[in-house]
Amino acid sequence: MQVVGKFSKVSYDEFAKAIRSEVDAITEDAIIDIYNTIKLPKRATTGSAGYDFFSPIWFELHPGESIKVPTGVNVDIADGWFLGCVPRSGLGFKYRAQLDNTIGVIDSDYIFSDNEGHIWAKITNDSKSDKVLTVNKGDAFMQGIFIQYGVTTDDKTTGIRNGGFGSTGGAQ
């Protein structure tokens, strides 16, 4: 098996800035507690393709509701690979849970962004019933799969990334 990446926690300052942007009136002690308990993604079994991401916070989503979750995690990825992020399949079956960008593409140069390559997930409960999706702090809610890619023979790309969504100047 080829080793192509390494997960790490983002700095405390990056995580604190991110969590404050999503949670009103959160205390410094609460942020410290959340940060100290962030779990790095891991595979559940030797045959698992996906690395489970664990929620750093508790959340509840009624049908039609969404939440942006700062995972507190980044990943250093070898050139020629990306990390594809998708919801855990059980959440998809039970709640039609989906990532709002359908599949998150974490490029190998994302780690060099000003936000330290902080991986976020925006997840929606798209259930057509009254099922409430509850994710406890520490529950696996998303998985990342390392995927290899290629480039064309005439590729002359020289751009440098600094940021996440839409930062490469593509169609918005």
N, C-alpha and C. Protein backbone atom coordinates (compact mmCIF):
# COMPACT_ATOMS: atom_id res chain seq x y z
N MET A 1 0.86 -1.18 0.00
CA MET A 1 0.00 0.00 0.00
C MET A 1 0.90 1.24 0.00
N GLN A 2 0.61 2.18 -0.88
CA GLN A 2 1.42 3.40 -1.00
C GLN A 2 0.98 4.44 0.03
N VAL A 3 1.92 5.06 0.73
CA VAL A 3 1.63 6.13 1.68
C VAL A 3 1.61 7.44 0.91
N VAL A 4 0.49 8.18 1.00
CA VAL A 4 0.34 9.40 0.19
C VAL A 4 -0.06 10.62 1.00
N GLY A 5 -0.24 10.49 2.30
CA GLY A 5 -0.68 11.65 3.08
C GLY A 5 -0.46 11.50 4.56
N LYS A 6 -0.64 12.62 5.27
CA LYS A 6 -0.53 12.61 6.73
C LYS A 6 -1.48 13.66 7.29
N PHE A 7 -2.37 13.25 8.18
CA PHE A 7 -3.31 14.15 8.84
C PHE A 7 -2.64 14.80 10.05
N SER A 8 -2.99 16.05 10.31
CA SER A 8 -2.52 16.78 11.49
C SER A 8 -3.64 17.71 11.96
N LYS A 9 -3.50 18.19 13.19
CA LYS A 9 -4.41 19.23 13.67
C LYS A 9 -3.92 20.59 13.19
N VAL A 10 -4.86 21.48 12.87
CA VAL A 10 -4.48 22.85 12.59
C VAL A 10 -4.08 23.49 13.91
N SER A 11 -3.49 24.67 13.86
CA SER A 11 -3.09 25.33 15.10
C SER A 11 -4.32 25.72 15.92
N TYR A 12 -4.09 25.93 17.20
CA TYR A 12 -5.18 26.36 18.07
C TYR A 12 -5.78 27.67 17.57
N ASP A 13 -4.95 28.62 17.17
CA ASP A 13 -5.45 29.93 16.71
C ASP A 13 -6.35 29.78 15.49
N GLU A 14 -5.97 28.94 14.54
CA GLU A 14 -6.80 28.73 13.34
C GLU A 14 -8.13 28.09 13.74
N PHE A 15 -8.08 27.08 14.60
CA PHE A 15 -9.31 26.41 14.99
C PHE A 15 -10.22 27.36 15.78
N ALA A 16 -9.64 28.12 16.70
CA ALA A 16 -10.44 29.05 17.51
C ALA A 16 -11.13 30.08 16.62
N LYS A 17 -10.41 30.61 15.65
CA LYS A 17 -11.01 31.57 14.71
C LYS A 17 -12.17 30.93 13.96
N ALA A 18 -11.98 29.70 13.51
CA ALA A 18 -13.01 29.00 12.75
C ALA A 18 -14.25 28.71 13.60
N ILE A 19 -14.06 28.19 14.80
CA ILE A 19 -15.20 27.82 15.64
C ILE A 19 -15.96 29.06 16.09
N ARG A 20 -15.25 30.16 16.36
CA ARG A 20 -15.93 31.41 16.73
C ARG A 20 -16.80 31.93 15.59
N SER A 21 -16.40 31.66 14.35
CA SER A 21 -17.18 32.13 13.21
C SER A 21 -18.48 31.35 13.04
N GLU A 22 -18.59 30.19 13.68
CA GLU A 22 -19.78 29.34 13.52
C GLU A 22 -20.62 29.20 14.78
N VAL A 23 -20.05 29.43 15.95
CA VAL A 23 -20.76 29.21 17.21
C VAL A 23 -20.82 30.53 17.99
N ASP A 24 -22.03 31.01 18.22
CA ASP A 24 -22.21 32.26 18.97
C ASP A 24 -21.89 32.04 20.45
N ALA A 25 -21.29 33.03 21.05
CA ALA A 25 -21.06 33.09 22.50
C ALA A 25 -20.37 31.86 23.06
N ILE A 26 -19.35 31.38 22.37
CA ILE A 26 -18.59 30.24 22.87
C ILE A 26 -17.45 30.76 23.74
N THR A 27 -17.21 30.11 24.85
CA THR A 27 -16.16 30.55 25.78
C THR A 27 -14.80 30.02 25.34
N GLU A 28 -13.76 30.68 25.81
CA GLU A 28 -12.40 30.24 25.52
C GLU A 28 -12.16 28.84 26.09
N ASP A 29 -12.69 28.58 27.29
CA ASP A 29 -12.53 27.25 27.89
C ASP A 29 -13.19 26.18 27.04
N ALA A 30 -14.35 26.48 26.46
CA ALA A 30 -15.04 25.52 25.59
C ALA A 30 -14.22 25.24 24.33
N ILE A 31 -13.64 26.30 23.77
CA ILE A 31 -12.82 26.12 22.56
C ILE A 31 -11.60 25.27 22.89
N ILE A 32 -10.96 25.53 24.01
CA ILE A 32 -9.79 24.74 24.42
C ILE A 32 -10.17 23.28 24.59
N ASP A 33 -11.31 23.02 25.24
CA ASP A 33 -11.77 21.64 25.43
C ASP A 33 -12.02 20.95 24.09
N ILE A 34 -12.69 21.64 23.19
CA ILE A 34 -12.97 21.06 21.87
C ILE A 34 -11.67 20.77 21.14
N TYR A 35 -10.77 21.75 21.12
CA TYR A 35 -9.50 21.59 20.41
C TYR A 35 -8.69 20.41 20.97
N ASN A 36 -8.64 20.31 22.27
CA ASN A 36 -7.84 19.25 22.90
C ASN A 36 -8.39 17.85 22.66
N THR A 37 -9.66 17.76 22.26
CA THR A 37 -10.26 16.44 22.04
C THR A 37 -10.45 16.11 20.56
N ILE A 38 -9.92 16.95 19.67
CA ILE A 38 -10.02 16.65 18.23
C ILE A 38 -9.28 15.34 17.96
N LYS A 39 -9.97 14.45 17.25
CA LYS A 39 -9.38 13.17 16.86
C LYS A 39 -9.01 13.23 15.38
N LEU A 40 -7.81 12.78 15.06
CA LEU A 40 -7.40 12.74 13.66
C LEU A 40 -8.15 11.62 12.93
N PRO A 41 -8.41 11.80 11.64
CA PRO A 41 -9.10 10.76 10.86
C PRO A 41 -8.32 9.44 10.88
N LYS A 42 -9.08 8.35 10.86
CA LYS A 42 -8.45 7.04 10.81
C LYS A 42 -9.38 6.05 10.12
N ARG A 43 -8.79 4.98 9.62
CA ARG A 43 -9.58 3.91 9.00
C ARG A 43 -10.10 2.99 10.09
N ALA A 44 -11.29 2.45 9.87
CA ALA A 44 -11.89 1.56 10.87
C ALA A 44 -11.32 0.15 10.78
N THR A 45 -10.98 -0.28 9.57
CA THR A 45 -10.44 -1.63 9.37
C THR A 45 -9.31 -1.57 8.35
N THR A 46 -8.54 -2.65 8.25
CA THR A 46 -7.44 -2.69 7.28
C THR A 46 -7.95 -2.66 5.85
N GLY A 47 -9.19 -3.02 5.62
CA GLY A 47 -9.77 -3.00 4.28
C GLY A 47 -10.54 -1.73 3.96
N SER A 48 -10.62 -0.81 4.90
CA SER A 48 -11.37 0.44 4.67
C SER A 48 -10.61 1.35 3.72
N ALA A 49 -11.32 1.88 2.72
CA ALA A 49 -10.72 2.86 1.80
C ALA A 49 -10.76 4.24 2.43
N GLY A 50 -11.81 4.51 3.21
CA GLY A 50 -12.02 5.84 3.76
C GLY A 50 -11.47 6.02 5.16
N TYR A 51 -10.99 7.23 5.40
CA TYR A 51 -10.55 7.66 6.73
C TYR A 51 -11.71 8.40 7.37
N ASP A 52 -12.20 7.89 8.49
CA ASP A 52 -13.32 8.53 9.18
C ASP A 52 -12.88 9.84 9.81
N PHE A 53 -13.67 10.90 9.57
CA PHE A 53 -13.51 12.19 10.25
C PHE A 53 -14.48 12.21 11.41
N PHE A 54 -14.03 12.67 12.56
CA PHE A 54 -14.82 12.68 13.77
C PHE A 54 -15.24 14.11 14.08
N SER A 55 -16.50 14.29 14.40
CA SER A 55 -17.00 15.63 14.67
C SER A 55 -16.41 16.16 15.98
N PRO A 56 -15.89 17.39 15.93
CA PRO A 56 -15.36 17.97 17.17
C PRO A 56 -16.45 18.55 18.06
N ILE A 57 -17.68 18.60 17.52
CA ILE A 57 -18.80 19.20 18.25
C ILE A 57 -20.04 18.32 18.13
N TRP A 58 -20.97 18.52 19.06
CA TRP A 58 -22.29 17.90 18.97
C TRP A 58 -23.15 18.78 18.08
N PHE A 59 -23.96 18.15 17.21
CA PHE A 59 -24.94 18.93 16.45
C PHE A 59 -26.15 18.08 16.10
N GLU A 60 -27.23 18.77 15.84
CA GLU A 60 -28.51 18.15 15.49
C GLU A 60 -29.05 18.86 14.27
N LEU A 61 -29.49 18.07 13.28
CA LEU A 61 -30.03 18.65 12.05
C LEU A 61 -31.42 18.07 11.78
N HIS A 62 -32.40 18.95 11.73
CA HIS A 62 -33.74 18.56 11.30
C HIS A 62 -33.74 18.52 9.78
N PRO A 63 -34.71 17.85 9.16
CA PRO A 63 -34.74 17.79 7.71
C PRO A 63 -34.65 19.20 7.09
N GLY A 64 -33.76 19.33 6.12
CA GLY A 64 -33.57 20.60 5.44
C GLY A 64 -32.53 21.50 6.08
N GLU A 65 -32.05 21.17 7.26
CA GLU A 65 -31.05 22.00 7.94
C GLU A 65 -29.64 21.60 7.56
N SER A 66 -28.74 22.58 7.62
CA SER A 66 -27.31 22.38 7.32
C SER A 66 -26.47 22.94 8.44
N ILE A 67 -25.23 22.49 8.49
CA ILE A 67 -24.25 23.03 9.43
C ILE A 67 -22.88 22.98 8.77
N LYS A 68 -22.06 24.00 9.07
CA LYS A 68 -20.65 23.99 8.65
C LYS A 68 -19.83 23.54 9.85
N VAL A 69 -19.07 22.49 9.67
CA VAL A 69 -18.28 21.91 10.76
C VAL A 69 -16.79 22.11 10.48
N PRO A 70 -16.10 22.92 11.28
CA PRO A 70 -14.65 23.00 11.17
C PRO A 70 -14.05 21.77 11.85
N THR A 71 -13.38 20.93 11.10
CA THR A 71 -12.90 19.66 11.66
C THR A 71 -11.67 19.82 12.54
N GLY A 72 -10.92 20.92 12.37
CA GLY A 72 -9.69 21.07 13.11
C GLY A 72 -8.53 20.28 12.52
N VAL A 73 -8.74 19.75 11.33
CA VAL A 73 -7.78 18.84 10.70
C VAL A 73 -7.32 19.40 9.36
N ASN A 74 -6.05 19.15 9.03
CA ASN A 74 -5.56 19.37 7.68
C ASN A 74 -4.84 18.11 7.23
N VAL A 75 -4.40 18.09 5.98
CA VAL A 75 -3.72 16.90 5.47
C VAL A 75 -2.63 17.32 4.49
N ASP A 76 -1.48 16.71 4.65
CA ASP A 76 -0.36 16.90 3.74
C ASP A 76 -0.44 15.73 2.75
N ILE A 77 -0.63 16.05 1.46
CA ILE A 77 -0.88 15.03 0.45
C ILE A 77 0.22 15.07 -0.61
N ALA A 78 0.66 13.91 -1.05
CA ALA A 78 1.66 13.80 -2.11
C ALA A 78 1.10 14.37 -3.41
N ASP A 79 1.99 14.93 -4.23
CA ASP A 79 1.59 15.41 -5.55
C ASP A 79 0.97 14.27 -6.35
N GLY A 80 -0.04 14.60 -7.14
CA GLY A 80 -0.71 13.59 -7.95
C GLY A 80 -1.86 12.91 -7.24
N TRP A 81 -2.18 13.36 -6.03
CA TRP A 81 -3.27 12.78 -5.25
C TRP A 81 -4.14 13.90 -4.69
N PHE A 82 -5.39 13.57 -4.36
CA PHE A 82 -6.27 14.48 -3.61
C PHE A 82 -7.06 13.66 -2.62
N LEU A 83 -7.66 14.33 -1.66
CA LEU A 83 -8.52 13.67 -0.69
C LEU A 83 -9.95 13.98 -1.06
N GLY A 84 -10.73 12.96 -1.37
CA GLY A 84 -12.16 13.13 -1.65
C GLY A 84 -12.95 12.89 -0.38
N CYS A 85 -13.78 13.88 0.01
CA CYS A 85 -14.57 13.77 1.24
C CYS A 85 -16.04 13.56 0.92
N VAL A 86 -16.64 12.58 1.58
CA VAL A 86 -18.05 12.25 1.40
C VAL A 86 -18.66 11.93 2.76
N PRO A 87 -19.99 12.00 2.89
CA PRO A 87 -20.59 11.62 4.18
C PRO A 87 -20.41 10.13 4.45
N ARG A 88 -20.45 9.74 5.69
CA ARG A 88 -20.47 8.31 6.01
C ARG A 88 -21.71 7.70 5.35
N SER A 89 -21.55 6.52 4.77
CA SER A 89 -22.65 5.93 4.00
C SER A 89 -23.89 5.67 4.85
N GLY A 90 -23.73 5.31 6.12
CA GLY A 90 -24.89 5.07 6.99
C GLY A 90 -25.73 6.32 7.17
N LEU A 91 -25.08 7.48 7.25
CA LEU A 91 -25.82 8.74 7.39
C LEU A 91 -26.58 9.05 6.10
N GLY A 92 -25.98 8.70 4.97
CA GLY A 92 -26.65 8.90 3.70
C GLY A 92 -27.90 8.03 3.57
N PHE A 93 -27.79 6.77 3.97
CA PHE A 93 -28.93 5.87 3.88
C PHE A 93 -30.04 6.27 4.84
N LYS A 94 -29.70 6.61 6.07
CA LYS A 94 -30.71 6.89 7.09
C LYS A 94 -31.31 8.29 6.98
N TYR A 95 -30.52 9.27 6.59
CA TYR A 95 -30.97 10.67 6.65
C TYR A 95 -30.82 11.42 5.34
N ARG A 96 -30.35 10.72 4.30
CA ARG A 96 -29.99 11.39 3.04
C ARG A 96 -28.99 12.51 3.33
N ALA A 97 -28.16 12.30 4.34
CA ALA A 97 -27.13 13.29 4.69
C ALA A 97 -26.19 13.43 3.51
N GLN A 98 -25.86 14.67 3.20
CA GLN A 98 -24.96 14.92 2.09
C GLN A 98 -24.08 16.12 2.38
N LEU A 99 -22.92 16.13 1.76
CA LEU A 99 -22.08 17.32 1.80
C LEU A 99 -22.62 18.26 0.74
N ASP A 100 -22.69 19.53 1.06
CA ASP A 100 -23.33 20.48 0.15
C ASP A 100 -22.56 20.66 -1.15
N ASN A 101 -21.28 20.32 -1.19
CA ASN A 101 -20.55 20.36 -2.46
C ASN A 101 -20.44 18.97 -3.07
N THR A 102 -21.28 18.05 -2.66
CA THR A 102 -21.42 16.65 -3.08
C THR A 102 -20.19 15.82 -2.77
N ILE A 103 -19.03 16.21 -3.25
CA ILE A 103 -17.78 15.57 -2.83
C ILE A 103 -16.78 16.69 -2.59
N GLY A 104 -16.20 16.67 -1.42
CA GLY A 104 -15.18 17.67 -1.11
C GLY A 104 -13.86 17.23 -1.72
N VAL A 105 -13.24 18.13 -2.47
CA VAL A 105 -11.95 17.84 -3.08
C VAL A 105 -10.88 18.65 -2.35
N ILE A 106 -10.02 17.94 -1.63
CA ILE A 106 -8.93 18.58 -0.91
C ILE A 106 -7.66 18.36 -1.73
N ASP A 107 -7.21 19.43 -2.38
CA ASP A 107 -6.04 19.36 -3.24
C ASP A 107 -4.75 19.29 -2.42
N SER A 108 -3.69 18.79 -3.05
CA SER A 108 -2.43 18.62 -2.34
C SER A 108 -1.80 19.94 -1.90
N ASP A 109 -2.14 21.05 -2.58
CA ASP A 109 -1.55 22.33 -2.19
C ASP A 109 -2.42 23.13 -1.22
N TYR A 110 -3.57 22.59 -0.84
CA TYR A 110 -4.47 23.29 0.08
C TYR A 110 -3.81 23.54 1.43
N ILE A 111 -2.93 22.66 1.85
CA ILE A 111 -2.28 22.79 3.16
C ILE A 111 -1.45 24.07 3.27
N PHE A 112 -1.07 24.66 2.14
CA PHE A 112 -0.23 25.86 2.15
C PHE A 112 -1.06 27.15 2.23
N SER A 113 -2.37 27.05 2.33
CA SER A 113 -3.25 28.23 2.40
C SER A 113 -3.11 28.95 3.74
N ASP A 114 -3.54 30.20 3.77
CA ASP A 114 -3.48 30.99 5.01
C ASP A 114 -4.24 30.33 6.15
N ASN A 115 -5.26 29.52 5.84
CA ASN A 115 -6.03 28.85 6.88
C ASN A 115 -5.44 27.50 7.27
N GLU A 116 -4.18 27.26 6.88
CA GLU A 116 -3.45 26.04 7.21
C GLU A 116 -4.05 24.79 6.58
N GLY A 117 -4.88 24.96 5.55
CA GLY A 117 -5.51 23.81 4.92
C GLY A 117 -6.61 23.19 5.77
N HIS A 118 -7.22 24.01 6.64
CA HIS A 118 -8.27 23.55 7.56
C HIS A 118 -9.44 22.96 6.76
N ILE A 119 -9.72 21.71 6.98
CA ILE A 119 -10.80 21.01 6.28
C ILE A 119 -12.12 21.25 7.01
N TRP A 120 -13.08 21.77 6.27
CA TRP A 120 -14.43 22.01 6.77
C TRP A 120 -15.39 21.06 6.06
N ALA A 121 -16.53 20.82 6.68
CA ALA A 121 -17.59 20.06 6.03
C ALA A 121 -18.90 20.81 6.22
N LYS A 122 -19.63 21.03 5.14
CA LYS A 122 -20.98 21.56 5.27
C LYS A 122 -21.90 20.41 4.94
N ILE A 123 -22.63 19.97 5.96
CA ILE A 123 -23.47 18.78 5.82
C ILE A 123 -24.94 19.16 5.99
N THR A 124 -25.79 18.51 5.20
CA THR A 124 -27.23 18.78 5.21
C THR A 124 -28.00 17.49 5.46
N ASN A 125 -29.04 17.58 6.28
CA ASN A 125 -30.00 16.49 6.45
C ASN A 125 -31.06 16.71 5.38
N ASP A 126 -31.01 15.91 4.33
CA ASP A 126 -31.95 16.04 3.20
C ASP A 126 -33.08 15.03 3.28
N SER A 127 -33.36 14.55 4.49
CA SER A 127 -34.41 13.57 4.71
C SER A 127 -35.76 14.12 4.27
N LYS A 128 -36.55 13.27 3.66
CA LYS A 128 -37.90 13.67 3.23
C LYS A 128 -38.94 13.30 4.30
N SER A 129 -38.47 12.84 5.44
CA SER A 129 -39.37 12.50 6.55
C SER A 129 -39.07 13.45 7.71
N ASP A 130 -39.42 13.03 8.90
CA ASP A 130 -39.17 13.87 10.07
C ASP A 130 -37.93 13.40 10.86
N LYS A 131 -37.04 12.66 10.21
CA LYS A 131 -35.86 12.12 10.89
C LYS A 131 -34.88 13.23 11.25
N VAL A 132 -34.53 13.30 12.53
CA VAL A 132 -33.56 14.27 13.02
C VAL A 132 -32.20 13.57 13.10
N LEU A 133 -31.20 14.17 12.47
CA LEU A 133 -29.85 13.64 12.48
C LEU A 133 -29.10 14.23 13.67
N THR A 134 -28.64 13.38 14.57
CA THR A 134 -27.86 13.81 15.72
C THR A 134 -26.46 13.24 15.59
N VAL A 135 -25.47 14.10 15.66
CA VAL A 135 -24.07 13.68 15.63
C VAL A 135 -23.45 14.14 16.94
N ASN A 136 -22.97 13.19 17.72
CA ASN A 136 -22.33 13.50 18.99
C ASN A 136 -20.87 13.88 18.76
N LYS A 137 -20.34 14.65 19.67
CA LYS A 137 -18.92 14.98 19.63
C LYS A 137 -18.14 13.68 19.61
N GLY A 138 -17.24 13.53 18.66
CA GLY A 138 -16.44 12.32 18.54
C GLY A 138 -17.00 11.28 17.60
N ASP A 139 -18.25 11.47 17.10
CA ASP A 139 -18.83 10.53 16.14
C ASP A 139 -18.22 10.71 14.76
N ALA A 140 -18.02 9.62 14.06
CA ALA A 140 -17.58 9.69 12.67
C ALA A 140 -18.77 10.17 11.84
N PHE A 141 -18.56 11.19 11.01
CA PHE A 141 -19.66 11.74 10.23
C PHE A 141 -19.31 11.91 8.75
N MET A 142 -18.04 11.84 8.43
CA MET A 142 -17.58 12.03 7.07
C MET A 142 -16.38 11.12 6.87
N GLN A 143 -16.09 10.78 5.62
CA GLN A 143 -14.89 10.01 5.36
C GLN A 143 -14.12 10.61 4.19
N GLY A 144 -12.81 10.48 4.27
CA GLY A 144 -11.94 10.97 3.21
C GLY A 144 -11.21 9.81 2.56
N ILE A 145 -11.15 9.84 1.24
CA ILE A 145 -10.52 8.77 0.47
C ILE A 145 -9.44 9.39 -0.41
N PHE A 146 -8.22 8.90 -0.33
CA PHE A 146 -7.14 9.39 -1.16
C PHE A 146 -7.32 8.84 -2.58
N ILE A 147 -7.31 9.75 -3.55
CA ILE A 147 -7.56 9.39 -4.94
C ILE A 147 -6.45 9.97 -5.82
N GLN A 148 -5.91 9.12 -6.69
CA GLN A 148 -4.86 9.56 -7.60
C GLN A 148 -5.48 10.22 -8.83
N TYR A 149 -4.78 11.21 -9.39
CA TYR A 149 -5.24 11.86 -10.61
C TYR A 149 -4.07 12.11 -11.54
N GLY A 150 -4.38 12.42 -12.79
CA GLY A 150 -3.35 12.71 -13.78
C GLY A 150 -3.57 14.07 -14.40
N VAL A 151 -2.65 14.50 -15.22
CA VAL A 151 -2.76 15.77 -15.94
C VAL A 151 -2.55 15.51 -17.43
N THR A 152 -2.95 16.47 -18.25
CA THR A 152 -2.82 16.32 -19.70
C THR A 152 -1.38 16.58 -20.15
N THR A 153 -1.06 16.13 -21.34
CA THR A 153 0.30 16.31 -21.86
C THR A 153 0.65 17.76 -22.11
N ASP A 154 -0.35 18.61 -22.33
CA ASP A 154 -0.08 20.03 -22.60
C ASP A 154 -0.34 20.92 -21.37
N ASP A 155 -0.41 20.34 -20.20
CA ASP A 155 -0.66 21.10 -18.98
C ASP A 155 0.52 22.02 -18.66
N LYS A 156 0.24 23.29 -18.50
CA LYS A 156 1.28 24.27 -18.19
C LYS A 156 0.87 25.13 -16.98
N THR A 157 0.11 24.55 -16.09
CA THR A 157 -0.41 25.28 -14.93
C THR A 157 0.72 25.79 -14.05
N THR A 158 0.61 27.07 -13.66
CA THR A 158 1.63 27.67 -12.78
C THR A 158 1.01 28.39 -11.58
N GLY A 159 -0.33 28.37 -11.47
CA GLY A 159 -1.02 29.08 -10.39
C GLY A 159 -0.67 28.54 -9.02
N ILE A 160 -0.79 29.42 -8.04
CA ILE A 160 -0.52 29.05 -6.64
C ILE A 160 -1.77 29.35 -5.82
N ARG A 161 -2.17 28.40 -5.01
CA ARG A 161 -3.38 28.50 -4.19
C ARG A 161 -3.14 29.31 -2.93
N ASN A 162 -4.20 30.02 -2.50
CA ASN A 162 -4.21 30.58 -1.15
C ASN A 162 -5.66 30.67 -0.71
N GLY A 163 -6.18 29.59 -0.20
CA GLY A 163 -7.54 29.59 0.29
C GLY A 163 -8.28 28.32 -0.10
N GLY A 164 -9.56 28.32 0.22
CA GLY A 164 -10.40 27.16 -0.02
C GLY A 164 -11.36 27.40 -1.15
N PHE A 165 -12.66 27.34 -0.84
CA PHE A 165 -13.72 27.41 -1.84
C PHE A 165 -13.53 28.57 -2.82
N GLY A 166 -13.36 28.25 -4.09
CA GLY A 166 -13.25 29.27 -5.12
C GLY A 166 -11.92 29.99 -5.17
N SER A 167 -10.93 29.57 -4.41
CA SER A 167 -9.68 30.32 -4.32
C SER A 167 -8.78 30.18 -5.53
N THR A 168 -9.06 29.20 -6.39
CA THR A 168 -8.19 29.02 -7.55
C THR A 168 -8.66 29.83 -8.75
N GLY A 169 -9.74 30.61 -8.59
CA GLY A 169 -10.20 31.49 -9.66
C GLY A 169 -11.05 30.81 -10.70
N GLY A 170 -11.48 29.59 -10.46
CA GLY A 170 -12.34 28.90 -11.41
C GLY A 170 -13.75 29.45 -11.37
N ALA A 171 -14.64 28.83 -12.13
CA ALA A 171 -16.05 29.26 -12.17
C ALA A 171 -16.64 29.20 -10.78
N GLN A 172 -17.40 30.22 -10.44
CA GLN A 172 -17.96 30.30 -9.09
C GLN A 172 -19.44 30.05 -9.11
